[in-house]
Amino acid sequence: MQPKFNVWLEIDGKVVLSPWRVRLLEAIAAAGSISAAAERLGVPYRRAWEKVQEIERGLGYKVVETAVGGHHGGGAHLTEAGRQVLARFHAFADGLDEEVARRFRATFDSRG
């Protein structure tokens, strides 16, 4: 057996950050655009854009900066605040993985 869990962060009962939303932000950072990130994740652009907006409304600040297309093309990148919130989410969630594994071993390994 292995323990499985999912962690997300809410404000006033609304999801702000979750593993999927973190993957979305990471895909935007890697791909340089919301549309390419949406394609990588297999979701419509509209859904990806709505999730970015929900994250920003929940946090109260921009996490993605966009540029309008044109001759040189558009794009998107994470703001400094966006990079920081990703780092904080990972620091929090990674620590939980270790704690859950420790508690699981303490609870189940000793009972056979």
PDB file of N, CA and C in Angstrom:
ATOM      1  N   MET A   1       0.840  -1.194   0.000  1.00  0.00           N
ATOM      2  CA  MET A   1       0.000   0.000   0.000  1.00  0.00           C
ATOM      3  C   MET A   1       0.875   1.244   0.000  1.00  0.00           C
ATOM      4  N   GLN A   2       0.339   2.273  -0.627  1.00  0.00           N
ATOM      5  CA  GLN A   2       0.982   3.577  -0.621  1.00  0.00           C
ATOM      6  C   GLN A   2      -0.077   4.642  -0.354  1.00  0.00           C
ATOM      7  N   PRO A   3       0.270   5.646   0.428  1.00  0.00           N
ATOM      8  CA  PRO A   3      -0.695   6.715   0.673  1.00  0.00           C
ATOM      9  C   PRO A   3      -0.782   7.642  -0.537  1.00  0.00           C
ATOM     10  N   LYS A   4      -1.971   8.104  -0.837  1.00  0.00           N
ATOM     11  CA  LYS A   4      -2.200   9.084  -1.899  1.00  0.00           C
ATOM     12  C   LYS A   4      -3.023  10.221  -1.318  1.00  0.00           C
ATOM     13  N   PHE A   5      -2.678  11.424  -1.704  1.00  0.00           N
ATOM     14  CA  PHE A   5      -3.436  12.583  -1.255  1.00  0.00           C
ATOM     15  C   PHE A   5      -3.269  13.693  -2.275  1.00  0.00           C
ATOM     16  N   ASN A   6      -4.151  14.662  -2.196  1.00  0.00           N
ATOM     17  CA  ASN A   6      -4.109  15.803  -3.085  1.00  0.00           C
ATOM     18  C   ASN A   6      -4.253  17.047  -2.224  1.00  0.00           C
ATOM     19  N   VAL A   7      -3.437  18.037  -2.480  1.00  0.00           N
ATOM     20  CA  VAL A   7      -3.496  19.265  -1.696  1.00  0.00           C
ATOM     21  C   VAL A   7      -3.797  20.435  -2.633  1.00  0.00           C
ATOM     22  N   TRP A   8      -4.656  21.312  -2.181  1.00  0.00           N
ATOM     23  CA  TRP A   8      -4.927  22.533  -2.918  1.00  0.00           C
ATOM     24  C   TRP A   8      -5.139  23.636  -1.903  1.00  0.00           C
ATOM     25  N   LEU A   9      -5.029  24.866  -2.364  1.00  0.00           N
ATOM     26  CA  LEU A   9      -5.189  26.024  -1.496  1.00  0.00           C
ATOM     27  C   LEU A   9      -6.438  26.789  -1.914  1.00  0.00           C
ATOM     28  N   GLU A  10      -7.234  27.154  -0.928  1.00  0.00           N
ATOM     29  CA  GLU A  10      -8.479  27.884  -1.169  1.00  0.00           C
ATOM     30  C   GLU A  10      -8.457  29.210  -0.430  1.00  0.00           C
ATOM     31  N   ILE A  11      -9.207  30.140  -0.962  1.00  0.00           N
ATOM     32  CA  ILE A  11      -9.494  31.397  -0.276  1.00  0.00           C
ATOM     33  C   ILE A  11     -11.007  31.573  -0.346  1.00  0.00           C
ATOM     34  N   ASP A  12     -11.634  31.730   0.801  1.00  0.00           N
ATOM     35  CA  ASP A  12     -13.096  31.869   0.880  1.00  0.00           C
ATOM     36  C   ASP A  12     -13.820  30.735   0.159  1.00  0.00           C
ATOM     37  N   GLY A  13     -13.306  29.514   0.303  1.00  0.00           N
ATOM     38  CA  GLY A  13     -13.945  28.344  -0.276  1.00  0.00           C
ATOM     39  C   GLY A  13     -13.730  28.144  -1.765  1.00  0.00           C
ATOM     40  N   LYS A  14     -12.913  28.984  -2.390  1.00  0.00           N
ATOM     41  CA  LYS A  14     -12.649  28.866  -3.827  1.00  0.00           C
ATOM     42  C   LYS A  14     -11.205  28.435  -4.048  1.00  0.00           C
ATOM     43  N   VAL A  15     -11.019  27.445  -4.919  1.00  0.00           N
ATOM     44  CA  VAL A  15      -9.675  26.943  -5.211  1.00  0.00           C
ATOM     45  C   VAL A  15      -8.858  28.044  -5.871  1.00  0.00           C
ATOM     46  N   VAL A  16      -7.658  28.262  -5.333  1.00  0.00           N
ATOM     47  CA  VAL A  16      -6.725  29.221  -5.920  1.00  0.00           C
ATOM     48  C   VAL A  16      -5.570  28.462  -6.566  1.00  0.00           C
ATOM     49  N   LEU A  17      -4.957  27.569  -5.817  1.00  0.00           N
ATOM     50  CA  LEU A  17      -3.845  26.769  -6.347  1.00  0.00           C
ATOM     51  C   LEU A  17      -4.105  25.297  -6.093  1.00  0.00           C
ATOM     52  N   SER A  18      -3.778  24.502  -7.075  1.00  0.00           N
ATOM     53  CA  SER A  18      -3.902  23.046  -6.994  1.00  0.00           C
ATOM     54  C   SER A  18      -2.765  22.465  -7.824  1.00  0.00           C
ATOM     55  N   PRO A  19      -2.515  21.177  -7.713  1.00  0.00           N
ATOM     56  CA  PRO A  19      -1.465  20.594  -8.556  1.00  0.00           C
ATOM     57  C   PRO A  19      -1.698  20.858 -10.046  1.00  0.00           C
ATOM     58  N   TRP A  20      -2.953  20.774 -10.510  1.00  0.00           N
ATOM     59  CA  TRP A  20      -3.212  21.029 -11.926  1.00  0.00           C
ATOM     60  C   TRP A  20      -2.928  22.481 -12.290  1.00  0.00           C
ATOM     61  N   ARG A  21      -3.329  23.417 -11.438  1.00  0.00           N
ATOM     62  CA  ARG A  21      -3.087  24.832 -11.721  1.00  0.00           C
ATOM     63  C   ARG A  21      -1.597  25.145 -11.678  1.00  0.00           C
ATOM     64  N   VAL A  22      -0.875  24.476 -10.800  1.00  0.00           N
ATOM     65  CA  VAL A  22       0.577  24.641 -10.759  1.00  0.00           C
ATOM     66  C   VAL A  22       1.190  24.122 -12.060  1.00  0.00           C
ATOM     67  N   ARG A  23       0.723  22.957 -12.539  1.00  0.00           N
ATOM     68  CA  ARG A  23       1.220  22.433 -13.823  1.00  0.00           C
ATOM     69  C   ARG A  23       0.919  23.411 -14.959  1.00  0.00           C
ATOM     70  N   LEU A  24      -0.247  24.049 -14.917  1.00  0.00           N
ATOM     71  CA  LEU A  24      -0.592  25.041 -15.930  1.00  0.00           C
ATOM     72  C   LEU A  24       0.407  26.194 -15.911  1.00  0.00           C
ATOM     73  N   LEU A  25       0.674  26.744 -14.744  1.00  0.00           N
ATOM     74  CA  LEU A  25       1.627  27.854 -14.653  1.00  0.00           C
ATOM     75  C   LEU A  25       3.014  27.422 -15.108  1.00  0.00           C
ATOM     76  N   GLU A  26       3.427  26.220 -14.741  1.00  0.00           N
ATOM     77  CA  GLU A  26       4.733  25.716 -15.176  1.00  0.00           C
ATOM     78  C   GLU A  26       4.775  25.532 -16.688  1.00  0.00           C
ATOM     79  N   ALA A  27       3.662  25.080 -17.271  1.00  0.00           N
ATOM     80  CA  ALA A  27       3.601  24.911 -18.726  1.00  0.00           C
ATOM     81  C   ALA A  27       3.660  26.263 -19.434  1.00  0.00           C
ATOM     82  N   ILE A  28       3.025  27.274 -18.868  1.00  0.00           N
ATOM     83  CA  ILE A  28       3.095  28.624 -19.440  1.00  0.00           C
ATOM     84  C   ILE A  28       4.535  29.118 -19.398  1.00  0.00           C
ATOM     85  N   ALA A  29       5.200  28.914 -18.273  1.00  0.00           N
ATOM     86  CA  ALA A  29       6.595  29.341 -18.148  1.00  0.00           C
ATOM     87  C   ALA A  29       7.480  28.631 -19.168  1.00  0.00           C
ATOM     88  N   ALA A  30       7.261  27.347 -19.363  1.00  0.00           N
ATOM     89  CA  ALA A  30       8.096  26.563 -20.279  1.00  0.00           C
ATOM     90  C   ALA A  30       7.788  26.867 -21.743  1.00  0.00           C
ATOM     91  N   ALA A  31       6.503  27.037 -22.063  1.00  0.00           N
ATOM     92  CA  ALA A  31       6.095  27.197 -23.461  1.00  0.00           C
ATOM     93  C   ALA A  31       6.133  28.647 -23.936  1.00  0.00           C
ATOM     94  N   GLY A  32       6.013  29.574 -22.999  1.00  0.00           N
ATOM     95  CA  GLY A  32       6.019  30.981 -23.378  1.00  0.00           C
ATOM     96  C   GLY A  32       4.694  31.496 -23.902  1.00  0.00           C
ATOM     97  N   SER A  33       3.639  30.690 -23.764  1.00  0.00           N
ATOM     98  CA  SER A  33       2.311  31.167 -24.156  1.00  0.00           C
ATOM     99  C   SER A  33       1.245  30.324 -23.474  1.00  0.00           C
ATOM    100  N   ILE A  34       0.091  30.938 -23.301  1.00  0.00           N
ATOM    101  CA  ILE A  34      -1.024  30.224 -22.685  1.00  0.00           C
ATOM    102  C   ILE A  34      -1.569  29.182 -23.654  1.00  0.00           C
ATOM    103  N   SER A  35      -1.644  29.516 -24.939  1.00  0.00           N
ATOM    104  CA  SER A  35      -2.185  28.559 -25.911  1.00  0.00           C
ATOM    105  C   SER A  35      -1.302  27.323 -26.022  1.00  0.00           C
ATOM    106  N   ALA A  36       0.014  27.493 -26.039  1.00  0.00           N
ATOM    107  CA  ALA A  36       0.913  26.333 -26.102  1.00  0.00           C
ATOM    108  C   ALA A  36       0.829  25.517 -24.819  1.00  0.00           C
ATOM    109  N   ALA A  37       0.689  26.193 -23.685  1.00  0.00           N
ATOM    110  CA  ALA A  37       0.544  25.486 -22.408  1.00  0.00           C
ATOM    111  C   ALA A  37      -0.750  24.681 -22.399  1.00  0.00           C
ATOM    112  N   ALA A  38      -1.831  25.278 -22.884  1.00  0.00           N
ATOM    113  CA  ALA A  38      -3.118  24.576 -22.945  1.00  0.00           C
ATOM    114  C   ALA A  38      -3.002  23.340 -23.830  1.00  0.00           C
ATOM    115  N   GLU A  39      -2.337  23.487 -24.958  1.00  0.00           N
ATOM    116  CA  GLU A  39      -2.159  22.347 -25.860  1.00  0.00           C
ATOM    117  C   GLU A  39      -1.366  21.232 -25.179  1.00  0.00           C
ATOM    118  N   ARG A  40      -0.299  21.597 -24.475  1.00  0.00           N
ATOM    119  CA  ARG A  40       0.505  20.605 -23.744  1.00  0.00           C
ATOM    120  C   ARG A  40      -0.324  19.844 -22.717  1.00  0.00           C
ATOM    121  N   LEU A  41      -1.258  20.548 -22.084  1.00  0.00           N
ATOM    122  CA  LEU A  41      -2.080  19.931 -21.043  1.00  0.00           C
ATOM    123  C   LEU A  41      -3.353  19.295 -21.596  1.00  0.00           C
ATOM    124  N   GLY A  42      -3.590  19.478 -22.885  1.00  0.00           N
ATOM    125  CA  GLY A  42      -4.759  18.869 -23.512  1.00  0.00           C
ATOM    126  C   GLY A  42      -6.080  19.504 -23.132  1.00  0.00           C
ATOM    127  N   VAL A  43      -6.052  20.820 -22.910  1.00  0.00           N
ATOM    128  CA  VAL A  43      -7.282  21.542 -22.562  1.00  0.00           C
ATOM    129  C   VAL A  43      -7.468  22.708 -23.528  1.00  0.00           C
ATOM    130  N   PRO A  44      -8.693  23.181 -23.681  1.00  0.00           N
ATOM    131  CA  PRO A  44      -8.920  24.349 -24.535  1.00  0.00           C
ATOM    132  C   PRO A  44      -8.236  25.594 -23.961  1.00  0.00           C
ATOM    133  N   TYR A  45      -7.846  26.493 -24.860  1.00  0.00           N
ATOM    134  CA  TYR A  45      -7.234  27.756 -24.452  1.00  0.00           C
ATOM    135  C   TYR A  45      -8.127  28.480 -23.450  1.00  0.00           C
ATOM    136  N   ARG A  46      -9.417  28.522 -23.734  1.00  0.00           N
ATOM    137  CA  ARG A  46     -10.354  29.256 -22.868  1.00  0.00           C
ATOM    138  C   ARG A  46     -10.293  28.750 -21.427  1.00  0.00           C
ATOM    139  N   ARG A  47     -10.221  27.430 -21.247  1.00  0.00           N
ATOM    140  CA  ARG A  47     -10.156  26.876 -19.888  1.00  0.00           C
ATOM    141  C   ARG A  47      -8.859  27.303 -19.201  1.00  0.00           C
ATOM    142  N   ALA A  48      -7.755  27.229 -19.924  1.00  0.00           N
ATOM    143  CA  ALA A  48      -6.470  27.633 -19.342  1.00  0.00           C
ATOM    144  C   ALA A  48      -6.508  29.105 -18.944  1.00  0.00           C
ATOM    145  N   TRP A  49      -7.025  29.956 -19.817  1.00  0.00           N
ATOM    146  CA  TRP A  49      -7.098  31.381 -19.536  1.00  0.00           C
ATOM    147  C   TRP A  49      -7.998  31.651 -18.331  1.00  0.00           C
ATOM    148  N   GLU A  50      -9.137  30.972 -18.252  1.00  0.00           N
ATOM    149  CA  GLU A  50     -10.035  31.141 -17.109  1.00  0.00           C
ATOM    150  C   GLU A  50      -9.353  30.738 -15.807  1.00  0.00           C
ATOM    151  N   LYS A  51      -8.576  29.665 -15.822  1.00  0.00           N
ATOM    152  CA  LYS A  51      -7.890  29.217 -14.608  1.00  0.00           C
ATOM    153  C   LYS A  51      -6.835  30.227 -14.181  1.00  0.00           C
ATOM    154  N   VAL A  52      -6.120  30.808 -15.146  1.00  0.00           N
ATOM    155  CA  VAL A  52      -5.147  31.857 -14.811  1.00  0.00           C
ATOM    156  C   VAL A  52      -5.869  33.021 -14.144  1.00  0.00           C
ATOM    157  N   GLN A  53      -7.003  33.424 -14.707  1.00  0.00           N
ATOM    158  CA  GLN A  53      -7.768  34.529 -14.124  1.00  0.00           C
ATOM    159  C   GLN A  53      -8.264  34.191 -12.720  1.00  0.00           C
ATOM    160  N   GLU A  54      -8.703  32.958 -12.498  1.00  0.00           N
ATOM    161  CA  GLU A  54      -9.155  32.545 -11.165  1.00  0.00           C
ATOM    162  C   GLU A  54      -8.006  32.592 -10.160  1.00  0.00           C
ATOM    163  N   ILE A  55      -6.835  32.157 -10.580  1.00  0.00           N
ATOM    164  CA  ILE A  55      -5.659  32.212  -9.704  1.00  0.00           C
ATOM    165  C   ILE A  55      -5.379  33.660  -9.325  1.00  0.00           C
ATOM    166  N   GLU A  56      -5.357  34.535 -10.325  1.00  0.00           N
ATOM    167  CA  GLU A  56      -5.031  35.939 -10.071  1.00  0.00           C
ATOM    168  C   GLU A  56      -6.085  36.627  -9.212  1.00  0.00           C
ATOM    169  N   ARG A  57      -7.358  36.335  -9.454  1.00  0.00           N
ATOM    170  CA  ARG A  57      -8.416  36.921  -8.606  1.00  0.00           C
ATOM    171  C   ARG A  57      -8.267  36.444  -7.167  1.00  0.00           C
ATOM    172  N   GLY A  58      -8.006  35.160  -6.996  1.00  0.00           N
ATOM    173  CA  GLY A  58      -7.874  34.605  -5.656  1.00  0.00           C
ATOM    174  C   GLY A  58      -6.692  35.173  -4.892  1.00  0.00           C
ATOM    175  N   LEU A  59      -5.561  35.289  -5.578  1.00  0.00           N
ATOM    176  CA  LEU A  59      -4.359  35.797  -4.920  1.00  0.00           C
ATOM    177  C   LEU A  59      -4.368  37.315  -4.784  1.00  0.00           C
ATOM    178  N   GLY A  60      -5.054  37.973  -5.695  1.00  0.00           N
ATOM    179  CA  GLY A  60      -5.091  39.435  -5.656  1.00  0.00           C
ATOM    180  C   GLY A  60      -3.931  40.094  -6.370  1.00  0.00           C
ATOM    181  N   TYR A  61      -3.218  39.336  -7.189  1.00  0.00           N
ATOM    182  CA  TYR A  61      -2.123  39.908  -7.980  1.00  0.00           C
ATOM    183  C   TYR A  61      -1.879  39.059  -9.223  1.00  0.00           C
ATOM    184  N   LYS A  62      -1.196  39.665 -10.195  1.00  0.00           N
ATOM    185  CA  LYS A  62      -0.921  38.987 -11.458  1.00  0.00           C
ATOM    186  C   LYS A  62       0.180  37.949 -11.282  1.00  0.00           C
ATOM    187  N   VAL A  63      -0.051  36.789 -11.884  1.00  0.00           N
ATOM    188  CA  VAL A  63       0.980  35.743 -11.899  1.00  0.00           C
ATOM    189  C   VAL A  63       1.465  35.482 -13.317  1.00  0.00           C
ATOM    190  N   VAL A  64       0.703  35.947 -14.314  1.00  0.00           N
ATOM    191  CA  VAL A  64       1.074  35.780 -15.721  1.00  0.00           C
ATOM    192  C   VAL A  64       0.980  37.134 -16.413  1.00  0.00           C
ATOM    193  N   GLU A  65       2.016  37.464 -17.147  1.00  0.00           N
ATOM    194  CA  GLU A  65       2.038  38.678 -17.965  1.00  0.00           C
ATOM    195  C   GLU A  65       1.894  38.250 -19.418  1.00  0.00           C
ATOM    196  N   THR A  66       0.967  38.874 -20.134  1.00  0.00           N
ATOM    197  CA  THR A  66       0.737  38.499 -21.531  1.00  0.00           C
ATOM    198  C   THR A  66       1.121  39.643 -22.458  1.00  0.00           C
ATOM    199  N   ALA A  67       1.468  39.264 -23.685  1.00  0.00           N
ATOM    200  CA  ALA A  67       1.755  40.237 -24.736  1.00  0.00           C
ATOM    201  C   ALA A  67       0.860  39.904 -25.919  1.00  0.00           C
ATOM    202  N   VAL A  68       0.277  40.924 -26.520  1.00  0.00           N
ATOM    203  CA  VAL A  68      -0.617  40.735 -27.653  1.00  0.00           C
ATOM    204  C   VAL A  68       0.200  40.302 -28.864  1.00  0.00           C
ATOM    205  N   GLY A  69      -0.394  39.445 -29.686  1.00  0.00           N
ATOM    206  CA  GLY A  69       0.276  38.970 -30.904  1.00  0.00           C
ATOM    207  C   GLY A  69       0.512  40.097 -31.889  1.00  0.00           C
ATOM    208  N   GLY A  70       1.010  39.745 -33.024  1.00  0.00           N
ATOM    209  CA  GLY A  70       1.326  40.730 -34.051  1.00  0.00           C
ATOM    210  C   GLY A  70       2.506  40.227 -34.855  1.00  0.00           C
ATOM    211  N   HIS A  71       3.263  41.146 -35.440  1.00  0.00           N
ATOM    212  CA  HIS A  71       4.399  40.774 -36.290  1.00  0.00           C
ATOM    213  C   HIS A  71       5.395  39.880 -35.555  1.00  0.00           C
ATOM    214  N   HIS A  72       5.703  40.219 -34.333  1.00  0.00           N
ATOM    215  CA  HIS A  72       6.665  39.434 -33.547  1.00  0.00           C
ATOM    216  C   HIS A  72       5.986  38.377 -32.680  1.00  0.00           C
ATOM    217  N   GLY A  73       4.682  38.292 -32.755  1.00  0.00           N
ATOM    218  CA  GLY A  73       3.955  37.285 -31.983  1.00  0.00           C
ATOM    219  C   GLY A  73       3.709  37.732 -30.559  1.00  0.00           C
ATOM    220  N   GLY A  74       2.768  37.084 -29.938  1.00  0.00           N
ATOM    221  CA  GLY A  74       2.451  37.389 -28.549  1.00  0.00           C
ATOM    222  C   GLY A  74       3.188  36.439 -27.646  1.00  0.00           C
ATOM    223  N   GLY A  75       2.638  36.230 -26.499  1.00  0.00           N
ATOM    224  CA  GLY A  75       3.260  35.296 -25.579  1.00  0.00           C
ATOM    225  C   GLY A  75       2.833  35.572 -24.159  1.00  0.00           C
ATOM    226  N   ALA A  76       3.378  34.793 -23.278  1.00  0.00           N
ATOM    227  CA  ALA A  76       3.069  34.945 -21.856  1.00  0.00           C
ATOM    228  C   ALA A  76       4.249  34.439 -21.049  1.00  0.00           C
ATOM    229  N   HIS A  77       4.451  35.061 -19.926  1.00  0.00           N
ATOM    230  CA  HIS A  77       5.483  34.593 -18.997  1.00  0.00           C
ATOM    231  C   HIS A  77       5.002  34.844 -17.569  1.00  0.00           C
ATOM    232  N   LEU A  78       5.599  34.133 -16.635  1.00  0.00           N
ATOM    233  CA  LEU A  78       5.232  34.326 -15.233  1.00  0.00           C
ATOM    234  C   LEU A  78       5.848  35.614 -14.719  1.00  0.00           C
ATOM    235  N   THR A  79       5.100  36.305 -13.892  1.00  0.00           N
ATOM    236  CA  THR A  79       5.643  37.465 -13.196  1.00  0.00           C
ATOM    237  C   THR A  79       6.552  36.963 -12.073  1.00  0.00           C
ATOM    238  N   GLU A  80       7.282  37.857 -11.479  1.00  0.00           N
ATOM    239  CA  GLU A  80       8.110  37.472 -10.329  1.00  0.00           C
ATOM    240  C   GLU A  80       7.227  36.900  -9.224  1.00  0.00           C
ATOM    241  N   ALA A  81       6.070  37.514  -9.006  1.00  0.00           N
ATOM    242  CA  ALA A  81       5.137  37.000  -7.994  1.00  0.00           C
ATOM    243  C   ALA A  81       4.652  35.606  -8.372  1.00  0.00           C
ATOM    244  N   GLY A  82       4.436  35.362  -9.651  1.00  0.00           N
ATOM    245  CA  GLY A  82       4.028  34.038 -10.117  1.00  0.00           C
ATOM    246  C   GLY A  82       5.098  32.992  -9.857  1.00  0.00           C
ATOM    247  N   ARG A  83       6.348  33.343 -10.126  1.00  0.00           N
ATOM    248  CA  ARG A  83       7.455  32.408  -9.855  1.00  0.00           C
ATOM    249  C   ARG A  83       7.576  32.130  -8.356  1.00  0.00           C
ATOM    250  N   GLN A  84       7.377  33.158  -7.555  1.00  0.00           N
ATOM    251  CA  GLN A  84       7.477  32.983  -6.105  1.00  0.00           C
ATOM    252  C   GLN A  84       6.358  32.102  -5.556  1.00  0.00           C
ATOM    253  N   VAL A  85       5.134  32.287  -6.033  1.00  0.00           N
ATOM    254  CA  VAL A  85       4.030  31.475  -5.517  1.00  0.00           C
ATOM    255  C   VAL A  85       4.210  30.017  -5.922  1.00  0.00           C
ATOM    256  N   LEU A  86       4.763  29.758  -7.115  1.00  0.00           N
ATOM    257  CA  LEU A  86       5.062  28.377  -7.508  1.00  0.00           C
ATOM    258  C   LEU A  86       6.095  27.765  -6.573  1.00  0.00           C
ATOM    259  N   ALA A  87       7.148  28.507  -6.292  1.00  0.00           N
ATOM    260  CA  ALA A  87       8.196  28.003  -5.403  1.00  0.00           C
ATOM    261  C   ALA A  87       7.634  27.715  -4.014  1.00  0.00           C
ATOM    262  N   ARG A  88       6.779  28.589  -3.521  1.00  0.00           N
ATOM    263  CA  ARG A  88       6.185  28.386  -2.194  1.00  0.00           C
ATOM    264  C   ARG A  88       5.249  27.180  -2.175  1.00  0.00           C
ATOM    265  N   PHE A  89       4.467  27.020  -3.236  1.00  0.00           N
ATOM    266  CA  PHE A  89       3.569  25.863  -3.302  1.00  0.00           C
ATOM    267  C   PHE A  89       4.386  24.574  -3.287  1.00  0.00           C
ATOM    268  N   HIS A  90       5.456  24.531  -4.077  1.00  0.00           N
ATOM    269  CA  HIS A  90       6.294  23.331  -4.114  1.00  0.00           C
ATOM    270  C   HIS A  90       6.953  23.070  -2.761  1.00  0.00           C
ATOM    271  N   ALA A  91       7.444  24.106  -2.114  1.00  0.00           N
ATOM    272  CA  ALA A  91       8.075  23.929  -0.802  1.00  0.00           C
ATOM    273  C   ALA A  91       7.069  23.362   0.195  1.00  0.00           C
ATOM    274  N   PHE A  92       5.858  23.851   0.151  1.00  0.00           N
ATOM    275  CA  PHE A  92       4.801  23.374   1.037  1.00  0.00           C
ATOM    276  C   PHE A  92       4.412  21.939   0.703  1.00  0.00           C
ATOM    277  N   ALA A  93       4.087  21.675  -0.559  1.00  0.00           N
ATOM    278  CA  ALA A  93       3.594  20.351  -0.967  1.00  0.00           C
ATOM    279  C   ALA A  93       4.670  19.279  -0.844  1.00  0.00           C
ATOM    280  N   ASP A  94       5.908  19.597  -1.203  1.00  0.00           N
ATOM    281  CA  ASP A  94       6.981  18.604  -1.101  1.00  0.00           C
ATOM    282  C   ASP A  94       7.191  18.181   0.343  1.00  0.00           C
ATOM    283  N   GLY A  95       7.091  19.113   1.258  1.00  0.00           N
ATOM    284  CA  GLY A  95       7.203  18.775   2.669  1.00  0.00           C
ATOM    285  C   GLY A  95       6.066  17.877   3.128  1.00  0.00           C
ATOM    286  N   LEU A  96       4.885  18.067   2.560  1.00  0.00           N
ATOM    287  CA  LEU A  96       3.748  17.220   2.915  1.00  0.00           C
ATOM    288  C   LEU A  96       3.956  15.791   2.439  1.00  0.00           C
ATOM    289  N   ASP A  97       4.536  15.623   1.258  1.00  0.00           N
ATOM    290  CA  ASP A  97       4.827  14.272   0.755  1.00  0.00           C
ATOM    291  C   ASP A  97       5.649  13.493   1.776  1.00  0.00           C
ATOM    292  N   GLU A  98       6.686  14.132   2.279  1.00  0.00           N
ATOM    293  CA  GLU A  98       7.564  13.477   3.254  1.00  0.00           C
ATOM    294  C   GLU A  98       6.825  13.177   4.556  1.00  0.00           C
ATOM    295  N   GLU A  99       6.036  14.118   5.024  1.00  0.00           N
ATOM    296  CA  GLU A  99       5.301  13.936   6.278  1.00  0.00           C
ATOM    297  C   GLU A  99       4.254  12.833   6.148  1.00  0.00           C
ATOM    298  N   VAL A 100       3.528  12.799   5.041  1.00  0.00           N
ATOM    299  CA  VAL A 100       2.524  11.751   4.830  1.00  0.00           C
ATOM    300  C   VAL A 100       3.201  10.387   4.770  1.00  0.00           C
ATOM    301  N   ALA A 101       4.328  10.284   4.077  1.00  0.00           N
ATOM    302  CA  ALA A 101       5.057   9.009   3.994  1.00  0.00           C
ATOM    303  C   ALA A 101       5.521   8.565   5.381  1.00  0.00           C
ATOM    304  N   ARG A 102       6.019   9.502   6.175  1.00  0.00           N
ATOM    305  CA  ARG A 102       6.477   9.176   7.529  1.00  0.00           C
ATOM    306  C   ARG A 102       5.315   8.685   8.384  1.00  0.00           C
ATOM    307  N   ARG A 103       4.205   9.392   8.351  1.00  0.00           N
ATOM    308  CA  ARG A 103       3.046   9.002   9.159  1.00  0.00           C
ATOM    309  C   ARG A 103       2.448   7.682   8.687  1.00  0.00           C
ATOM    310  N   PHE A 104       2.466   7.460   7.384  1.00  0.00           N
ATOM    311  CA  PHE A 104       1.969   6.199   6.846  1.00  0.00           C
ATOM    312  C   PHE A 104       2.808   5.035   7.368  1.00  0.00           C
ATOM    313  N   ARG A 105       4.132   5.177   7.288  1.00  0.00           N
ATOM    314  CA  ARG A 105       5.015   4.110   7.789  1.00  0.00           C
ATOM    315  C   ARG A 105       4.785   3.871   9.276  1.00  0.00           C
ATOM    316  N   ALA A 106       4.655   4.939  10.043  1.00  0.00           N
ATOM    317  CA  ALA A 106       4.456   4.806  11.484  1.00  0.00           C
ATOM    318  C   ALA A 106       3.125   4.128  11.807  1.00  0.00           C
ATOM    319  N   THR A 107       2.128   4.367  11.006  1.00  0.00           N
ATOM    320  CA  THR A 107       0.801   3.817  11.264  1.00  0.00           C
ATOM    321  C   THR A 107       0.625   2.410  10.720  1.00  0.00           C
ATOM    322  N   PHE A 108       1.075   2.160   9.504  1.00  0.00           N
ATOM    323  CA  PHE A 108       0.794   0.886   8.851  1.00  0.00           C
ATOM    324  C   PHE A 108       1.927  -0.126   8.917  1.00  0.00           C
ATOM    325  N   ASP A 109       3.177   0.310   8.884  1.00  0.00           N
ATOM    326  CA  ASP A 109       4.286  -0.646   8.904  1.00  0.00           C
ATOM    327  C   ASP A 109       4.333  -1.429  10.205  1.00  0.00           C
ATOM    328  N   SER A 110       3.976  -0.791  11.291  1.00  0.00           N
ATOM    329  CA  SER A 110       4.062  -1.465  12.590  1.00  0.00           C
ATOM    330  C   SER A 110       2.877  -2.409  12.837  1.00  0.00           C
ATOM    331  N   ARG A 111       1.860  -2.367  11.985  1.00  0.00           N
ATOM    332  CA  ARG A 111       0.657  -3.177  12.205  1.00  0.00           C
ATOM    333  C   ARG A 111       0.544  -4.342  11.223  1.00  0.00           C
ATOM    334  N   GLY A 112       1.499  -4.419  10.294  1.00  0.00           N
ATOM    335  CA  GLY A 112       1.501  -5.528   9.344  1.00  0.00           C
ATOM    336  C   GLY A 112       0.443  -5.355   8.363  1.00  0.00           C
TER     337      GLY A 112
END
